[in-house]
N, C-alpha and C. Protein backbone atom coordinates (compact mmCIF):
# COMPACT_ATOMS: atom_id res chain seq x y z
N MET A 1 -66.34 -147.59 -29.52
CA MET A 1 -65.10 -148.14 -30.11
C MET A 1 -64.22 -147.20 -30.48
N TYR A 2 -63.03 -147.47 -30.49
CA TYR A 2 -61.79 -146.61 -30.76
C TYR A 2 -61.76 -146.76 -32.14
N SER A 3 -61.24 -145.86 -32.80
CA SER A 3 -60.81 -145.79 -34.44
C SER A 3 -59.34 -146.49 -34.28
N LEU A 4 -59.27 -146.93 -35.55
CA LEU A 4 -57.84 -147.47 -35.84
C LEU A 4 -56.70 -146.52 -35.35
N HIS A 5 -56.78 -145.11 -35.74
CA HIS A 5 -55.79 -144.01 -35.38
C HIS A 5 -55.82 -143.90 -33.79
N GLU A 6 -56.85 -144.02 -33.23
CA GLU A 6 -56.81 -143.91 -31.75
C GLU A 6 -56.00 -145.13 -31.08
N ALA A 7 -56.33 -146.31 -31.44
CA ALA A 7 -55.75 -147.42 -31.26
C ALA A 7 -54.33 -147.65 -31.28
N ASN A 8 -53.83 -146.93 -32.42
CA ASN A 8 -52.17 -146.78 -32.56
C ASN A 8 -51.70 -145.83 -31.47
N LEU A 9 -52.28 -145.00 -31.13
CA LEU A 9 -51.71 -143.95 -30.21
C LEU A 9 -51.68 -144.50 -28.69
N MET A 10 -52.60 -145.59 -28.26
CA MET A 10 -52.82 -146.01 -27.21
C MET A 10 -51.30 -146.54 -26.50
N PRO A 11 -50.41 -147.49 -27.38
CA PRO A 11 -49.41 -147.89 -26.72
C PRO A 11 -48.24 -146.64 -26.55
N SER A 12 -48.25 -145.46 -27.29
CA SER A 12 -47.28 -144.54 -26.97
C SER A 12 -47.58 -143.48 -25.62
N ILE A 13 -48.84 -143.56 -25.22
CA ILE A 13 -49.43 -143.00 -24.14
C ILE A 13 -48.78 -143.19 -22.95
N ALA A 14 -48.84 -144.63 -22.73
CA ALA A 14 -48.31 -145.37 -21.52
C ALA A 14 -46.90 -144.98 -21.20
N PRO A 15 -46.16 -145.01 -22.05
CA PRO A 15 -44.79 -144.70 -21.64
C PRO A 15 -44.55 -143.21 -21.20
N LEU A 16 -45.28 -142.45 -22.21
CA LEU A 16 -45.24 -140.85 -22.00
C LEU A 16 -45.61 -140.64 -20.47
N THR A 17 -46.73 -141.02 -20.18
CA THR A 17 -47.08 -140.86 -18.91
C THR A 17 -46.44 -141.28 -17.81
N LEU A 18 -45.50 -142.23 -17.95
CA LEU A 18 -44.77 -142.91 -16.90
C LEU A 18 -43.27 -141.91 -16.92
N ARG A 19 -42.95 -141.45 -17.97
CA ARG A 19 -41.70 -140.51 -18.06
C ARG A 19 -42.26 -139.30 -17.36
N LEU A 20 -43.46 -138.82 -17.48
CA LEU A 20 -43.79 -137.81 -16.61
C LEU A 20 -43.91 -137.87 -15.40
N SER A 21 -44.39 -139.09 -15.04
CA SER A 21 -44.57 -139.32 -13.49
C SER A 21 -43.04 -139.43 -12.94
N LEU A 22 -42.04 -139.89 -13.73
CA LEU A 22 -40.57 -139.88 -13.23
C LEU A 22 -40.02 -138.53 -13.03
N VAL A 23 -40.52 -137.61 -13.98
CA VAL A 23 -39.83 -136.18 -14.04
C VAL A 23 -40.36 -135.67 -12.72
N SER A 24 -41.79 -135.69 -12.44
CA SER A 24 -42.51 -135.11 -11.48
C SER A 24 -41.88 -135.52 -10.08
N ALA A 25 -41.46 -136.85 -10.01
CA ALA A 25 -40.88 -137.30 -8.80
C ALA A 25 -39.48 -136.73 -8.59
N LEU A 26 -38.64 -136.48 -9.69
CA LEU A 26 -37.46 -135.98 -9.63
C LEU A 26 -37.47 -134.57 -9.09
N ILE A 27 -38.35 -133.67 -9.44
CA ILE A 27 -38.71 -132.42 -9.44
C ILE A 27 -39.16 -132.21 -7.77
N PHE A 28 -40.27 -132.98 -7.24
CA PHE A 28 -40.91 -132.50 -6.00
C PHE A 28 -40.18 -133.21 -4.89
N VAL A 29 -39.49 -134.41 -5.09
CA VAL A 29 -39.03 -134.94 -4.05
C VAL A 29 -37.84 -134.45 -3.37
N PRO A 30 -36.78 -133.75 -4.17
CA PRO A 30 -35.67 -133.27 -3.49
C PRO A 30 -36.10 -131.79 -2.80
N SER A 31 -37.12 -131.19 -3.34
CA SER A 31 -37.68 -129.94 -2.93
C SER A 31 -38.27 -130.18 -1.48
N ALA A 32 -39.04 -131.23 -1.23
CA ALA A 32 -39.47 -131.66 0.09
C ALA A 32 -38.40 -131.86 0.95
N THR A 33 -37.16 -132.52 0.55
CA THR A 33 -36.04 -132.77 1.13
C THR A 33 -35.25 -131.56 1.86
N VAL A 34 -35.21 -130.64 0.77
CA VAL A 34 -34.61 -129.48 1.10
C VAL A 34 -35.25 -128.78 2.22
N LEU A 35 -36.88 -128.48 1.99
CA LEU A 35 -37.43 -128.05 2.97
C LEU A 35 -37.55 -128.62 4.45
N SER A 36 -37.19 -129.86 4.40
CA SER A 36 -37.23 -130.40 5.72
C SER A 36 -35.87 -130.15 6.22
N GLN A 37 -34.90 -130.09 5.41
CA GLN A 37 -33.47 -129.57 5.87
C GLN A 37 -33.54 -128.17 6.45
N GLU A 38 -34.21 -127.51 5.84
CA GLU A 38 -34.30 -126.15 6.40
C GLU A 38 -35.16 -125.86 7.70
N LEU A 39 -36.07 -126.65 7.78
CA LEU A 39 -36.71 -126.40 8.98
C LEU A 39 -35.91 -127.33 10.02
N SER A 40 -35.31 -128.26 9.71
CA SER A 40 -34.39 -128.68 10.86
C SER A 40 -33.33 -127.44 11.25
N GLU A 41 -32.62 -126.96 10.10
CA GLU A 41 -31.53 -125.87 10.54
C GLU A 41 -32.33 -124.72 11.40
N ALA A 42 -33.27 -124.37 11.04
CA ALA A 42 -33.98 -123.07 11.72
C ALA A 42 -34.33 -123.56 13.18
N GLU A 43 -34.74 -125.05 13.34
CA GLU A 43 -34.97 -125.28 14.92
C GLU A 43 -33.51 -125.70 15.52
N LEU A 44 -32.72 -125.89 14.91
CA LEU A 44 -31.26 -125.93 15.59
C LEU A 44 -30.75 -124.71 15.85
N THR A 45 -31.05 -123.45 15.10
CA THR A 45 -30.77 -122.52 15.32
C THR A 45 -31.44 -121.62 16.74
N ARG A 46 -32.78 -122.02 16.41
CA ARG A 46 -33.53 -121.74 17.86
C ARG A 46 -32.96 -122.29 19.19
N ARG A 47 -32.64 -123.41 18.90
CA ARG A 47 -32.12 -124.36 20.23
C ARG A 47 -30.88 -123.58 20.65
N GLU A 48 -29.94 -123.48 19.69
CA GLU A 48 -28.57 -122.66 20.03
C GLU A 48 -28.52 -121.38 20.77
N VAL A 49 -29.66 -120.72 20.09
CA VAL A 49 -29.93 -119.43 20.67
C VAL A 49 -30.48 -119.56 22.27
N ARG A 50 -31.45 -120.55 22.21
CA ARG A 50 -31.90 -120.55 23.79
C ARG A 50 -30.71 -120.96 24.69
N GLN A 51 -30.05 -121.99 24.19
CA GLN A 51 -29.04 -122.28 25.08
C GLN A 51 -27.92 -121.45 25.48
N GLU A 52 -27.62 -120.57 24.39
CA GLU A 52 -26.65 -119.39 24.75
C GLU A 52 -27.34 -118.47 25.84
N TRP A 53 -28.43 -118.14 25.67
CA TRP A 53 -29.20 -117.26 26.58
C TRP A 53 -29.22 -118.03 27.99
N PHE A 54 -29.70 -119.31 28.14
CA PHE A 54 -29.70 -119.94 29.29
C PHE A 54 -28.46 -119.88 30.12
N LYS A 55 -27.49 -120.05 29.36
CA LYS A 55 -25.94 -119.90 29.91
C LYS A 55 -25.63 -118.86 30.46
N VAL A 56 -26.01 -117.82 29.54
CA VAL A 56 -25.42 -116.44 30.10
C VAL A 56 -26.33 -115.88 31.32
N SER A 57 -27.85 -116.12 31.03
CA SER A 57 -28.61 -115.67 32.10
C SER A 57 -28.68 -116.31 33.45
N ASP A 58 -28.29 -117.64 33.40
CA ASP A 58 -28.26 -118.44 34.53
C ASP A 58 -29.59 -118.40 35.50
N GLY A 59 -30.67 -118.02 34.94
CA GLY A 59 -31.81 -117.90 35.68
C GLY A 59 -32.17 -116.45 36.19
N ARG A 60 -31.51 -115.63 35.60
CA ARG A 60 -31.52 -114.36 36.24
C ARG A 60 -32.28 -113.47 35.23
N THR A 61 -33.08 -112.25 35.56
CA THR A 61 -33.75 -111.58 34.85
C THR A 61 -33.13 -110.23 34.45
N ASP A 62 -32.45 -109.96 35.62
CA ASP A 62 -31.63 -108.65 35.42
C ASP A 62 -30.22 -108.90 35.78
N PHE A 63 -29.30 -108.73 35.06
CA PHE A 63 -28.00 -108.67 35.29
C PHE A 63 -27.07 -108.14 34.02
N GLU A 64 -25.77 -108.03 34.52
CA GLU A 64 -24.83 -107.12 33.51
C GLU A 64 -23.79 -108.28 32.80
N ILE A 65 -23.16 -107.74 31.67
CA ILE A 65 -22.25 -108.71 30.84
C ILE A 65 -21.09 -107.71 30.72
N SER A 66 -20.02 -107.86 31.39
CA SER A 66 -18.84 -106.99 31.22
C SER A 66 -17.68 -107.52 30.59
N ASP A 67 -17.69 -108.92 30.13
CA ASP A 67 -16.75 -109.66 29.39
C ASP A 67 -17.05 -109.82 27.87
N PRO A 68 -16.42 -109.38 26.82
CA PRO A 68 -17.00 -109.61 25.61
C PRO A 68 -17.06 -111.07 25.03
N ALA A 69 -16.27 -111.97 25.89
CA ALA A 69 -16.40 -113.29 25.53
C ALA A 69 -17.71 -114.06 25.86
N SER A 70 -18.41 -113.37 26.85
CA SER A 70 -19.38 -113.91 27.39
C SER A 70 -20.84 -113.41 26.74
N VAL A 71 -20.65 -112.59 25.87
CA VAL A 71 -21.82 -112.07 25.10
C VAL A 71 -22.42 -113.07 24.15
N PRO A 72 -23.41 -113.61 24.26
CA PRO A 72 -24.20 -114.56 23.34
C PRO A 72 -23.91 -114.20 21.93
N LYS A 73 -23.77 -115.22 21.13
CA LYS A 73 -23.05 -114.99 19.72
C LYS A 73 -24.28 -114.30 18.98
N PHE A 74 -25.60 -114.56 19.16
CA PHE A 74 -26.83 -114.10 18.32
C PHE A 74 -26.65 -112.60 18.51
N LEU A 75 -26.42 -112.13 19.99
CA LEU A 75 -26.55 -110.65 20.21
C LEU A 75 -25.12 -110.02 19.69
N ALA A 76 -24.06 -110.55 19.73
CA ALA A 76 -22.82 -109.99 19.13
C ALA A 76 -23.00 -109.82 17.57
N ARG A 77 -23.64 -110.96 16.83
CA ARG A 77 -23.72 -110.65 15.43
C ARG A 77 -24.95 -109.41 15.03
N PHE A 78 -25.89 -109.32 16.15
CA PHE A 78 -26.86 -108.36 15.82
C PHE A 78 -25.94 -106.88 15.98
N ALA A 79 -25.18 -106.79 17.23
CA ALA A 79 -24.81 -105.61 17.53
C ALA A 79 -23.86 -105.26 16.29
N GLU A 80 -23.14 -106.09 15.73
CA GLU A 80 -22.21 -105.80 14.49
C GLU A 80 -22.96 -105.60 13.31
N ARG A 81 -24.43 -106.21 13.25
CA ARG A 81 -25.06 -105.76 11.98
C ARG A 81 -25.57 -104.14 12.14
N SER A 82 -25.79 -104.03 13.36
CA SER A 82 -26.35 -102.67 13.69
C SER A 82 -25.43 -101.54 13.73
N TRP A 83 -24.15 -101.90 13.46
CA TRP A 83 -23.01 -100.75 13.51
C TRP A 83 -22.85 -100.24 14.80
N CYS A 84 -22.69 -101.23 15.73
CA CYS A 84 -22.56 -100.90 17.48
C CYS A 84 -21.18 -101.61 17.96
N PRO A 85 -20.09 -100.85 17.72
CA PRO A 85 -19.05 -101.56 18.55
C PRO A 85 -19.12 -101.41 20.05
N TYR A 86 -19.12 -102.36 20.69
CA TYR A 86 -19.18 -102.36 22.26
C TYR A 86 -18.10 -102.81 22.88
N GLU A 87 -17.08 -103.57 22.15
CA GLU A 87 -16.20 -104.51 22.89
C GLU A 87 -15.28 -103.45 23.67
N ALA A 88 -14.83 -102.31 22.98
CA ALA A 88 -13.90 -101.60 23.87
C ALA A 88 -14.20 -100.91 24.94
N ASP A 89 -15.35 -100.80 25.07
CA ASP A 89 -16.20 -100.20 26.35
C ASP A 89 -16.76 -101.12 27.36
N ILE A 90 -16.92 -102.47 26.95
CA ILE A 90 -17.88 -103.03 27.89
C ILE A 90 -17.35 -103.51 29.22
N GLY A 91 -15.84 -103.46 29.20
CA GLY A 91 -15.61 -103.37 30.65
C GLY A 91 -15.78 -102.49 31.55
N ARG A 92 -15.90 -101.26 31.21
CA ARG A 92 -16.27 -99.94 31.96
C ARG A 92 -17.68 -99.87 32.02
N HIS A 93 -18.33 -100.17 30.83
CA HIS A 93 -19.89 -99.92 30.59
C HIS A 93 -20.36 -101.42 30.10
N PRO A 94 -20.68 -102.09 31.34
CA PRO A 94 -20.96 -103.47 30.92
C PRO A 94 -22.72 -103.33 30.17
N ILE A 95 -22.86 -104.16 29.27
CA ILE A 95 -24.05 -104.55 28.69
C ILE A 95 -25.11 -104.80 29.86
N ARG A 96 -26.23 -104.08 30.14
CA ARG A 96 -27.40 -104.50 30.98
C ARG A 96 -28.31 -104.99 30.62
N ILE A 97 -28.67 -106.12 31.25
CA ILE A 97 -30.02 -106.51 30.92
C ILE A 97 -31.02 -106.62 31.91
N MET A 98 -32.27 -106.27 31.34
CA MET A 98 -33.39 -106.14 32.30
C MET A 98 -34.67 -106.69 31.77
N THR A 99 -35.41 -107.09 32.78
CA THR A 99 -36.97 -107.32 32.19
C THR A 99 -37.92 -106.38 32.78
N LEU A 100 -38.66 -105.83 31.96
CA LEU A 100 -39.50 -104.71 32.22
C LEU A 100 -40.89 -104.92 31.44
N LYS A 101 -41.83 -104.90 32.43
CA LYS A 101 -43.36 -105.11 31.72
C LYS A 101 -43.42 -106.18 30.74
N SER A 102 -42.97 -107.35 31.05
CA SER A 102 -42.99 -108.49 30.00
C SER A 102 -41.91 -108.56 28.71
N ALA A 103 -41.31 -107.31 28.70
CA ALA A 103 -40.24 -107.23 27.79
C ALA A 103 -38.70 -107.26 28.26
N ARG A 104 -37.97 -107.85 27.56
CA ARG A 104 -36.49 -108.29 27.96
C ARG A 104 -35.63 -107.17 27.15
N LEU A 105 -34.88 -106.27 27.77
CA LEU A 105 -34.24 -105.34 27.20
C LEU A 105 -32.60 -105.39 27.36
N ALA A 106 -31.69 -104.97 26.46
CA ALA A 106 -30.57 -104.90 26.65
C ALA A 106 -29.98 -103.29 26.27
N ILE A 107 -29.35 -102.87 27.29
CA ILE A 107 -28.88 -101.38 27.10
C ILE A 107 -27.37 -101.63 26.67
N ILE A 108 -26.83 -101.17 25.72
CA ILE A 108 -25.45 -101.34 25.19
C ILE A 108 -24.97 -100.01 24.94
N LEU A 109 -23.65 -99.84 25.23
CA LEU A 109 -23.15 -98.50 24.75
C LEU A 109 -22.47 -98.80 23.56
N CYS A 110 -22.69 -98.09 22.54
CA CYS A 110 -22.45 -98.36 21.17
C CYS A 110 -21.48 -97.03 20.94
N ARG A 111 -20.14 -97.44 20.24
CA ARG A 111 -19.18 -96.19 20.05
C ARG A 111 -18.80 -96.43 18.37
N PRO A 112 -19.65 -96.05 17.52
CA PRO A 112 -19.21 -96.20 16.10
C PRO A 112 -18.20 -95.03 15.76
N GLY A 113 -18.04 -94.13 16.58
CA GLY A 113 -17.03 -92.97 16.31
C GLY A 113 -16.55 -92.36 17.49
N LEU A 114 -16.24 -91.27 17.51
CA LEU A 114 -15.50 -90.42 18.66
C LEU A 114 -16.65 -90.28 19.79
N VAL A 115 -17.91 -90.26 19.54
CA VAL A 115 -19.25 -90.20 20.32
C VAL A 115 -19.84 -91.20 20.49
N GLY A 116 -20.11 -92.04 21.65
CA GLY A 116 -20.92 -92.96 21.62
C GLY A 116 -22.13 -92.69 22.41
N SER A 117 -23.06 -93.53 22.43
CA SER A 117 -24.56 -93.44 23.15
C SER A 117 -24.93 -94.85 23.40
N ASP A 118 -25.45 -94.81 24.52
CA ASP A 118 -26.35 -96.06 24.80
C ASP A 118 -27.55 -96.45 23.79
N ARG A 119 -27.79 -97.43 23.40
CA ARG A 119 -28.77 -98.03 22.61
C ARG A 119 -29.47 -99.05 23.30
N VAL A 120 -30.76 -99.26 23.09
CA VAL A 120 -31.73 -100.23 23.60
C VAL A 120 -32.03 -101.23 22.75
N ILE A 121 -31.86 -102.59 22.95
CA ILE A 121 -32.09 -103.76 22.02
C ILE A 121 -33.35 -104.50 22.90
N ASP A 122 -34.16 -104.73 21.87
CA ASP A 122 -35.48 -105.69 22.64
C ASP A 122 -35.15 -107.04 21.99
N LEU A 123 -34.85 -107.89 23.10
CA LEU A 123 -34.76 -109.33 23.21
C LEU A 123 -35.66 -110.24 23.56
N THR A 124 -36.93 -109.49 23.59
CA THR A 124 -37.98 -110.32 24.06
C THR A 124 -38.20 -111.81 23.22
N ASP A 125 -37.98 -111.57 21.89
CA ASP A 125 -37.92 -112.70 20.93
C ASP A 125 -36.52 -112.71 20.67
N LEU A 126 -35.66 -113.85 21.17
CA LEU A 126 -34.47 -113.89 21.02
C LEU A 126 -34.05 -114.16 19.56
N GLN A 127 -34.92 -114.75 18.85
CA GLN A 127 -34.93 -114.92 17.28
C GLN A 127 -34.74 -113.74 16.50
N ARG A 128 -35.56 -112.66 16.96
CA ARG A 128 -35.56 -111.50 16.27
C ARG A 128 -35.33 -110.08 17.18
N PRO A 129 -34.01 -109.94 17.42
CA PRO A 129 -33.74 -108.64 18.28
C PRO A 129 -34.17 -107.42 17.39
N LYS A 130 -34.21 -106.54 18.20
CA LYS A 130 -34.55 -105.13 17.40
C LYS A 130 -33.91 -103.99 18.16
N VAL A 131 -33.63 -102.85 17.38
CA VAL A 131 -33.23 -101.85 18.30
C VAL A 131 -34.62 -100.82 18.34
N LEU A 132 -34.74 -100.38 19.43
CA LEU A 132 -35.90 -99.48 19.96
C LEU A 132 -35.30 -98.21 19.74
N TYR A 133 -36.47 -97.12 19.22
CA TYR A 133 -36.26 -95.74 18.97
C TYR A 133 -36.94 -94.76 20.10
N PHE A 134 -36.17 -93.69 20.15
CA PHE A 134 -36.76 -92.71 21.05
C PHE A 134 -37.40 -91.37 20.37
N PRO A 135 -38.21 -90.67 21.03
CA PRO A 135 -38.56 -89.42 20.75
C PRO A 135 -37.50 -88.57 21.14
N PHE A 136 -37.19 -87.65 20.18
CA PHE A 136 -35.93 -86.73 20.60
C PHE A 136 -36.18 -85.35 20.13
N LEU A 137 -35.77 -84.19 20.92
CA LEU A 137 -36.15 -83.10 20.73
C LEU A 137 -35.29 -82.47 19.44
N ALA A 138 -36.13 -82.00 18.45
CA ALA A 138 -35.72 -81.69 17.03
C ALA A 138 -35.61 -80.03 17.08
N THR A 139 -34.94 -79.45 16.20
CA THR A 139 -34.60 -78.04 16.01
C THR A 139 -35.21 -77.77 14.63
N PRO A 140 -35.90 -76.48 14.46
CA PRO A 140 -36.22 -75.60 15.66
C PRO A 140 -37.48 -75.91 16.51
N SER A 141 -38.14 -76.84 15.91
CA SER A 141 -39.58 -77.21 17.09
C SER A 141 -39.80 -78.69 16.59
N GLY A 142 -40.47 -79.33 17.57
CA GLY A 142 -41.04 -80.57 17.25
C GLY A 142 -40.10 -81.60 17.82
N PHE A 143 -40.54 -82.89 17.63
CA PHE A 143 -39.78 -83.95 17.98
C PHE A 143 -39.41 -84.91 16.81
N GLY A 144 -38.18 -85.54 16.86
CA GLY A 144 -37.88 -86.37 15.61
C GLY A 144 -37.71 -87.97 16.66
N THR A 145 -37.11 -88.69 15.79
CA THR A 145 -36.67 -90.08 16.68
C THR A 145 -34.94 -90.40 16.36
N THR A 146 -34.57 -91.38 17.31
CA THR A 146 -33.21 -91.62 17.46
C THR A 146 -33.10 -92.75 17.96
N ASP A 147 -32.14 -93.60 17.83
CA ASP A 147 -31.66 -94.64 18.46
C ASP A 147 -30.74 -94.43 19.61
N SER A 148 -30.19 -93.42 19.44
CA SER A 148 -28.98 -92.96 20.14
C SER A 148 -29.25 -91.77 21.01
N PRO A 149 -29.96 -91.81 22.17
CA PRO A 149 -30.58 -90.77 22.68
C PRO A 149 -29.25 -90.04 23.88
N GLY A 150 -28.05 -90.91 23.83
CA GLY A 150 -27.30 -90.33 24.96
C GLY A 150 -26.98 -91.54 26.08
N GLY A 151 -26.45 -91.16 27.04
CA GLY A 151 -26.24 -92.06 28.20
C GLY A 151 -27.57 -92.20 28.88
N ILE A 152 -28.00 -93.83 28.91
CA ILE A 152 -29.19 -94.04 29.53
C ILE A 152 -28.93 -94.68 30.99
N ASP A 153 -29.87 -94.00 31.73
CA ASP A 153 -30.01 -94.72 33.32
C ASP A 153 -31.57 -94.80 33.38
N TYR A 154 -31.70 -96.06 34.10
CA TYR A 154 -33.06 -96.47 34.60
C TYR A 154 -33.38 -96.17 35.96
N GLN A 155 -34.37 -95.44 36.37
CA GLN A 155 -34.65 -95.38 37.96
C GLN A 155 -35.78 -95.98 38.27
N ARG A 156 -35.46 -97.26 38.52
CA ARG A 156 -36.57 -98.18 38.93
C ARG A 156 -37.86 -97.61 39.80
N ASP A 157 -37.37 -96.93 40.90
CA ASP A 157 -38.39 -96.41 41.88
C ASP A 157 -39.16 -95.44 41.32
N LYS A 158 -38.76 -94.83 40.04
CA LYS A 158 -40.00 -93.72 39.65
C LYS A 158 -40.29 -94.33 38.14
N ASP A 159 -39.79 -95.54 37.88
CA ASP A 159 -40.11 -96.20 36.50
C ASP A 159 -39.98 -95.39 35.57
N VAL A 160 -38.75 -94.69 35.37
CA VAL A 160 -38.34 -93.73 34.19
C VAL A 160 -36.82 -93.92 33.68
N PHE A 161 -36.52 -93.70 32.44
CA PHE A 161 -35.37 -93.85 31.89
C PHE A 161 -34.83 -92.40 31.55
N LEU A 162 -33.54 -92.04 32.11
CA LEU A 162 -33.07 -90.81 31.92
C LEU A 162 -32.14 -91.00 30.70
N ALA A 163 -32.13 -89.90 29.78
CA ALA A 163 -31.10 -90.09 28.75
C ALA A 163 -30.29 -88.79 28.53
N GLU A 164 -29.17 -88.92 28.83
CA GLU A 164 -28.40 -87.50 28.91
C GLU A 164 -27.46 -87.35 27.62
N MET A 165 -27.44 -86.16 26.91
CA MET A 165 -26.49 -86.00 25.94
C MET A 165 -26.07 -84.45 26.13
N GLY A 166 -24.61 -84.76 25.80
CA GLY A 166 -23.58 -83.63 25.68
C GLY A 166 -22.69 -83.55 24.76
N SER A 167 -21.76 -82.91 24.77
CA SER A 167 -20.47 -82.67 23.86
C SER A 167 -19.46 -82.36 24.73
N ASP A 168 -18.36 -82.57 24.03
CA ASP A 168 -16.87 -82.54 24.46
C ASP A 168 -16.50 -80.79 24.56
N THR A 169 -17.33 -80.09 23.76
CA THR A 169 -17.06 -78.69 23.46
C THR A 169 -17.87 -77.81 24.34
N SER A 170 -18.91 -78.39 25.19
CA SER A 170 -19.66 -77.63 25.89
C SER A 170 -20.17 -78.16 27.11
N GLN A 171 -20.29 -77.50 28.20
CA GLN A 171 -20.87 -78.22 29.37
C GLN A 171 -22.61 -78.06 29.43
N THR A 172 -23.03 -77.68 28.45
CA THR A 172 -24.56 -77.87 28.43
C THR A 172 -24.80 -79.13 28.07
N LEU A 173 -25.76 -79.70 28.90
CA LEU A 173 -26.30 -81.14 28.71
C LEU A 173 -27.88 -81.03 28.60
N LEU A 174 -28.34 -81.76 27.84
CA LEU A 174 -29.70 -82.10 27.45
C LEU A 174 -30.20 -83.56 28.05
N ARG A 175 -31.19 -83.44 28.67
CA ARG A 175 -31.63 -84.69 29.30
C ARG A 175 -33.16 -85.02 28.88
N HIS A 176 -33.44 -86.09 28.38
CA HIS A 176 -34.91 -86.44 28.02
C HIS A 176 -35.31 -87.65 29.11
N VAL A 177 -36.43 -87.34 29.58
CA VAL A 177 -37.21 -88.18 30.72
C VAL A 177 -38.24 -89.17 29.79
N TYR A 178 -38.23 -90.40 30.02
CA TYR A 178 -38.88 -91.37 29.25
C TYR A 178 -39.46 -92.48 30.05
N ARG A 179 -40.77 -92.64 29.38
CA ARG A 179 -41.51 -94.13 30.05
C ARG A 179 -41.63 -95.05 29.19
N TYR A 180 -41.73 -96.22 29.55
CA TYR A 180 -41.69 -97.24 28.61
C TYR A 180 -43.02 -98.29 28.90
N ASP A 181 -43.50 -98.54 27.73
CA ASP A 181 -44.46 -99.62 27.91
C ASP A 181 -44.66 -100.36 26.56
N TYR A 182 -45.84 -101.13 26.46
CA TYR A 182 -45.72 -102.21 25.39
C TYR A 182 -45.47 -101.67 23.99
N LEU A 183 -45.85 -100.30 23.73
CA LEU A 183 -46.03 -99.35 22.70
C LEU A 183 -44.44 -98.75 22.20
N GLY A 184 -43.50 -98.94 23.35
CA GLY A 184 -42.28 -98.50 23.37
C GLY A 184 -42.11 -97.27 24.10
N PHE A 185 -41.13 -96.29 23.77
CA PHE A 185 -40.66 -95.25 24.56
C PHE A 185 -41.42 -93.95 24.33
N THR A 186 -41.99 -93.24 25.24
CA THR A 186 -42.67 -92.08 25.18
C THR A 186 -41.96 -91.01 26.06
N VAL A 187 -41.92 -89.75 25.40
CA VAL A 187 -41.08 -88.80 26.35
C VAL A 187 -42.01 -87.97 27.11
N ALA A 188 -41.70 -87.95 28.51
CA ALA A 188 -42.49 -87.22 29.38
C ALA A 188 -42.08 -85.86 29.63
N ARG A 189 -40.78 -85.68 29.62
CA ARG A 189 -40.00 -84.21 29.92
C ARG A 189 -38.82 -83.96 29.23
N VAL A 190 -38.48 -82.73 28.93
CA VAL A 190 -37.17 -82.36 28.45
C VAL A 190 -36.34 -81.58 29.34
N GLU A 191 -35.30 -81.79 29.66
CA GLU A 191 -34.72 -80.78 30.76
C GLU A 191 -33.32 -80.38 30.10
N LEU A 192 -32.71 -79.14 30.58
CA LEU A 192 -31.71 -78.53 30.07
C LEU A 192 -30.75 -77.99 31.34
N ARG A 193 -29.41 -78.27 31.43
CA ARG A 193 -28.51 -77.95 32.28
C ARG A 193 -27.42 -77.23 31.59
N LYS A 194 -26.97 -75.94 31.98
CA LYS A 194 -26.08 -75.16 31.06
C LYS A 194 -24.81 -75.36 31.40
N GLU A 195 -24.52 -75.91 32.65
CA GLU A 195 -23.20 -76.18 33.09
C GLU A 195 -23.16 -77.36 34.23
N TYR A 196 -22.16 -77.96 34.45
CA TYR A 196 -22.02 -79.11 35.40
C TYR A 196 -22.27 -78.51 36.81
N GLY A 197 -23.15 -79.30 37.66
CA GLY A 197 -23.38 -78.76 39.03
C GLY A 197 -24.67 -77.81 39.12
N ALA A 198 -25.24 -77.25 37.89
CA ALA A 198 -26.13 -76.53 37.96
C ALA A 198 -27.57 -77.37 37.98
N GLU A 199 -28.74 -76.63 38.17
CA GLU A 199 -29.97 -77.24 38.28
C GLU A 199 -30.59 -77.57 36.96
N TRP A 200 -31.29 -78.57 37.07
CA TRP A 200 -31.92 -79.21 35.57
C TRP A 200 -33.31 -78.12 35.42
N THR A 201 -33.25 -77.46 34.06
CA THR A 201 -34.44 -76.73 33.94
C THR A 201 -35.29 -77.32 32.85
N THR A 202 -36.61 -77.49 33.13
CA THR A 202 -37.51 -78.10 32.24
C THR A 202 -37.84 -77.20 31.09
N ILE A 203 -37.73 -77.64 29.98
CA ILE A 203 -38.02 -76.77 28.77
C ILE A 203 -39.07 -77.26 27.94
N TRP A 204 -39.74 -78.42 28.45
CA TRP A 204 -40.85 -79.11 27.93
C TRP A 204 -41.29 -80.20 28.39
N GLU A 205 -42.48 -80.23 28.88
CA GLU A 205 -43.20 -81.31 29.57
C GLU A 205 -44.53 -81.61 28.89
N ALA A 206 -44.71 -82.99 28.95
CA ALA A 206 -45.97 -83.73 28.45
C ALA A 206 -47.09 -83.03 29.44
N ALA A 207 -48.15 -82.78 28.65
CA ALA A 207 -49.25 -82.23 29.68
C ALA A 207 -50.34 -83.46 29.65
N PRO A 208 -50.91 -83.53 30.64
CA PRO A 208 -51.96 -84.73 30.55
C PRO A 208 -53.11 -84.15 29.64
N TRP A 209 -53.55 -85.23 28.79
CA TRP A 209 -54.48 -85.04 27.90
C TRP A 209 -55.88 -85.94 27.58
N SER A 210 -56.76 -85.50 27.23
CA SER A 210 -58.16 -86.20 27.15
C SER A 210 -58.78 -85.95 25.95
N LEU A 211 -59.62 -86.86 25.39
CA LEU A 211 -60.43 -86.60 24.11
C LEU A 211 -61.57 -85.36 24.58
N PRO A 212 -61.74 -84.35 23.61
CA PRO A 212 -62.44 -83.38 23.85
C PRO A 212 -64.21 -84.28 24.21
N PRO A 213 -65.02 -83.67 24.90
CA PRO A 213 -66.48 -84.17 24.80
C PRO A 213 -67.10 -84.05 23.74
N ARG A 214 -68.11 -84.96 23.36
CA ARG A 214 -68.69 -84.89 22.08
C ARG A 214 -69.69 -83.96 22.14
């Protein structure tokens, strides 16, 4: 049996429970609605990115873009965020799109200052493009990494990328030879040319290696 004091509390508990239920509904229902809207907006963004890509690629896997107006908006925004001004040079140096070993790559000449360099952007996931980095000769020894290795040329017959770096004050050119796989770029050889027309001299080359026997 309830005591008289407990019986007097019973009428006040029901309205309190009702009020708590109403407050919970006001808190959680809009949150679910906002979440639904966010998912819809994300899906809309994915659809827009795919439509832009299908339009510019037109079923091609390897092609060039030489008109700034034809650059997909998502790629233009990414280039801007990555400090990669490309518009002034795209007519003479088109954006090169290529598919290599299940990866979709874009080679773009970026000129944030007086000196420009090609960069490689991984577009395999159109929603999450990313700039790829290259091993690069460091001084006085060893290697560092850079996203701007110089002018890049892909030799499909040899399956290598050649990246040449020079300056306006010297005829000396430095060239890195890269290979690409699912891990990214690896350097196979570094070459030097002291003047235009001279032969390339290998100054470093990766030697075949294997684990020592146990």
